[in-house]
Amino acid sequence: MAPQRIGDRDRGDTTISPRAVERVAEIAAAANGDVTSARGRLGDEQVDISVRVRNPRTAASTVCDVQHRVAESMTKHGLPTLPVNVTLTG
């Protein structure tokens, strides 16, 4: 995906690289205590995040929490609102 342009200002635009968006998603996912690792990937119309979890018994709630945290973090940082797909790995 091409770099994102945010805002239309008199002094220029802010350009956000895809890796920066992926990093925002990774940090948000890692904020969940059950996540042991997270890897983000920005697609054309979505953010994909792969996570490993400590406790398989809480995996479903962890996936929901990660999805919420990533979406909230994207909004907080003024990034485009995109669907968040969470995949369990390992």
Protein backbone atom coordinates (compact mmCIF):
# COMPACT_ATOMS: atom_id res chain seq x y z
CA MET A 1 0.00 0.00 0.00
CA ALA A 2 1.21 3.49 -0.80
CA PRO A 3 2.03 5.98 1.96
CA GLN A 4 -1.05 7.61 3.48
CA ARG A 5 -1.53 11.37 3.24
CA ILE A 6 -3.29 12.88 6.21
CA GLY A 7 -4.70 16.37 6.26
CA ASP A 8 -4.72 19.19 3.78
CA ARG A 9 -2.83 22.01 5.40
CA ASP A 10 -1.54 25.32 4.12
CA ARG A 11 2.01 24.26 4.95
CA GLY A 12 1.81 20.77 3.48
CA ASP A 13 0.57 17.27 4.15
CA THR A 14 1.64 14.62 6.60
CA THR A 15 2.65 11.36 4.93
CA ILE A 16 2.47 8.13 6.93
CA SER A 17 4.39 5.09 5.67
CA PRO A 18 2.69 1.67 5.69
CA ARG A 19 5.26 0.41 8.22
CA ALA A 20 4.28 3.16 10.65
CA VAL A 21 0.64 2.04 10.49
CA GLU A 22 1.72 -1.58 11.00
CA ARG A 23 3.79 -0.56 14.02
CA VAL A 24 0.83 1.26 15.58
CA ALA A 25 -1.17 -1.97 15.23
CA GLU A 26 1.64 -4.09 16.72
CA ILE A 27 2.07 -1.85 19.75
CA ALA A 28 -1.68 -1.75 20.38
CA ALA A 29 -1.92 -5.55 20.15
CA ALA A 30 1.07 -6.08 22.43
CA ALA A 31 -0.63 -3.95 25.10
CA ASN A 32 -2.85 -6.96 25.84
CA GLY A 33 -1.13 -8.99 28.56
CA ASP A 34 -1.98 -12.32 26.91
CA VAL A 35 -0.22 -11.41 23.65
CA THR A 36 3.35 -12.70 23.47
CA SER A 37 4.11 -11.38 19.97
CA ALA A 38 2.35 -9.36 17.30
CA ARG A 39 3.06 -8.67 13.64
CA GLY A 40 1.05 -6.19 11.59
CA ARG A 41 0.54 -5.95 7.85
CA LEU A 42 -1.26 -3.13 6.08
CA GLY A 43 -3.33 -4.30 3.14
CA ASP A 44 -5.17 -2.25 0.54
CA GLU A 45 -8.36 -2.03 2.57
CA GLN A 46 -7.56 -3.59 5.95
CA VAL A 47 -5.01 -4.07 8.72
CA ASP A 48 -4.00 -7.68 9.35
CA ILE A 49 -2.43 -8.49 12.71
CA SER A 50 -1.02 -11.90 13.65
CA VAL A 51 -0.67 -12.61 17.36
CA ARG A 52 0.60 -15.35 19.62
CA VAL A 53 -1.12 -15.77 22.96
CA ARG A 54 -0.04 -17.12 26.35
CA ASN A 55 -3.27 -18.83 27.28
CA PRO A 56 -5.27 -20.74 24.65
CA ARG A 57 -8.32 -20.75 26.94
CA THR A 58 -8.66 -16.99 26.65
CA ALA A 59 -7.77 -16.78 22.96
CA ALA A 60 -11.25 -15.75 21.82
CA SER A 61 -11.48 -12.82 24.22
CA THR A 62 -7.88 -11.87 23.45
CA VAL A 63 -8.63 -11.71 19.72
CA CYS A 64 -11.65 -9.45 20.35
CA ASP A 65 -9.63 -7.21 22.66
CA VAL A 66 -6.75 -6.93 20.17
CA GLN A 67 -9.17 -6.01 17.39
CA HIS A 68 -10.67 -3.29 19.58
CA ARG A 69 -7.28 -1.97 20.76
CA VAL A 70 -5.90 -1.73 17.22
CA ALA A 71 -8.98 0.07 15.87
CA GLU A 72 -8.97 2.46 18.84
CA SER A 73 -5.27 3.19 18.43
CA MET A 74 -5.67 3.91 14.72
CA THR A 75 -8.41 6.43 15.53
CA LYS A 76 -6.41 7.95 18.38
CA HIS A 77 -3.49 8.62 16.03
CA GLY A 78 -5.67 10.07 13.29
CA LEU A 79 -5.10 7.18 10.91
CA PRO A 80 -7.72 5.95 8.45
CA THR A 81 -10.45 3.73 9.86
CA LEU A 82 -9.89 0.28 8.37
CA PRO A 83 -11.19 -3.19 9.21
CA VAL A 84 -8.85 -5.07 11.57
CA ASN A 85 -8.34 -8.80 10.96
CA VAL A 86 -6.71 -10.72 13.80
CA THR A 87 -5.12 -14.13 13.23
CA LEU A 88 -3.78 -16.46 15.93
CA THR A 89 -0.37 -17.91 15.08
CA GLY A 90 1.76 -20.58 16.73
